[in-house]
Protein backbone atom coordinates (compact mmCIF):
# COMPACT_ATOMS: atom_id res chain seq x y z
CA MET A 1 0.00 0.00 0.00
CA PRO A 2 1.39 3.43 -0.89
CA SER A 3 2.22 5.66 2.01
CA ILE A 4 0.02 8.43 3.34
CA ARG A 5 2.73 10.88 2.35
CA ASP A 6 2.48 9.72 -1.28
CA LEU A 7 -1.30 10.14 -1.20
CA LYS A 8 -0.91 13.68 0.14
CA LYS A 9 1.61 14.45 -2.61
CA ASP A 10 -0.77 13.09 -5.24
CA VAL A 11 -3.62 15.27 -3.96
CA ASN A 12 -1.34 18.30 -3.93
CA PHE A 13 0.16 17.71 -7.38
CA ILE A 14 -3.07 16.81 -9.17
CA LEU A 15 -5.12 19.70 -7.81
CA GLY A 16 -2.16 22.07 -8.13
CA ASP A 17 -1.81 21.14 -11.80
CA ILE A 18 -5.50 21.84 -12.37
CA ILE A 19 -5.20 25.27 -10.75
CA GLU A 20 -2.08 25.99 -12.80
CA ALA A 21 -3.93 24.97 -15.98
CA VAL A 22 -6.66 27.50 -15.15
CA TYR A 23 -4.04 30.25 -14.80
CA ILE A 24 -2.47 29.22 -18.12
CA TRP A 25 -5.88 29.28 -19.80
CA GLU A 26 -6.60 32.74 -18.37
CA ALA A 27 -3.23 34.07 -19.55
CA GLY A 28 -3.60 32.56 -23.01
CA SER A 29 -7.17 33.68 -23.57
CA GLY A 30 -6.84 37.15 -22.08
CA ASN A 31 -9.51 36.40 -19.47
CA LYS A 32 -7.52 37.46 -16.41
CA GLU A 33 -9.29 36.52 -13.18
CA SER A 34 -12.28 35.19 -15.08
CA GLU A 35 -15.37 34.14 -13.16
CA GLU A 36 -15.29 30.66 -14.72
CA GLY A 37 -11.65 30.16 -13.77
CA THR A 38 -12.25 31.39 -10.25
CA VAL A 39 -15.08 28.88 -9.80
CA ILE A 40 -12.80 25.99 -10.85
CA ILE A 41 -9.97 27.19 -8.59
CA ASP A 42 -12.31 27.59 -5.62
CA GLU A 43 -13.73 24.12 -6.18
CA ALA A 44 -10.22 22.63 -6.44
CA ILE A 45 -9.30 24.25 -3.12
CA GLU A 46 -12.45 22.88 -1.49
CA VAL A 47 -11.66 19.39 -2.79
CA TYR A 48 -8.09 19.72 -1.48
CA ASP A 49 -9.27 20.75 1.99
CA SER A 50 -11.87 17.99 2.09
CA LEU A 51 -9.46 15.26 1.02
CA MET A 52 -6.73 16.40 3.41
CA ASP A 53 -9.21 16.33 6.29
CA LYS A 54 -10.12 12.76 5.36
CA ILE A 55 -6.48 11.73 5.02
CA ASN A 56 -5.64 13.17 8.43
CA GLN A 57 -8.44 11.35 10.27
CA LYS A 58 -6.88 9.35 13.08
CA LYS A 59 -9.64 6.93 14.00
CA VAL A 60 -10.52 4.81 10.99
CA ASP A 61 -11.82 1.25 11.15
CA ASN A 62 -10.22 -0.07 7.98
CA ALA A 63 -7.30 2.10 6.87
CA LYS A 64 -6.76 0.35 3.53
CA SER A 65 -10.37 0.78 2.50
CA HIS A 66 -10.43 4.36 3.80
CA PHE A 67 -7.45 5.45 1.71
CA ARG A 68 -8.68 3.56 -1.36
CA THR A 69 -11.93 5.52 -1.09
CA ILE A 70 -9.99 8.79 -0.84
CA ARG A 71 -7.94 7.95 -3.93
CA THR A 72 -11.13 7.09 -5.86
CA GLU A 73 -12.74 10.35 -4.76
CA LEU A 74 -9.64 12.27 -5.87
CA GLU A 75 -9.80 10.67 -9.32
CA GLU A 76 -13.52 11.41 -9.73
CA LYS A 77 -13.34 15.01 -8.59
CA ALA A 78 -10.16 15.74 -10.55
CA THR A 79 -11.77 14.33 -13.69
CA LYS A 80 -14.80 16.57 -13.14
CA LEU A 81 -12.58 19.64 -12.68
CA VAL A 82 -10.60 18.83 -15.84
CA GLU A 83 -13.84 18.47 -17.79
CA GLN A 84 -14.92 21.91 -16.54
CA LEU A 85 -11.54 23.30 -17.56
CA ASN A 86 -11.81 21.75 -21.02
CA ASN A 87 -15.23 23.32 -21.48
CA LEU A 88 -13.92 26.85 -20.96
CA GLU A 89 -14.13 28.98 -24.06
CA ALA A 90 -11.20 30.97 -25.34
């Protein structure tokens, strides 16, 4: 089983890359601080906070299942955010 530290790094890198992609889209399209981009960034931050809270829970019945669920949730929410990013218009 991968370590908790690796899971935290994955959460940080994946959501950080999504936020960075929003900034790149804004710079490339001339939509600085766009409302659409801000919504995606805010949602990514909320997902980050939520997942980190779940990762840092101390009392869990089945740790393996708990962390597998977190990884699945990360994949689902990241996919949704990327789809939102891909739907932004230039």
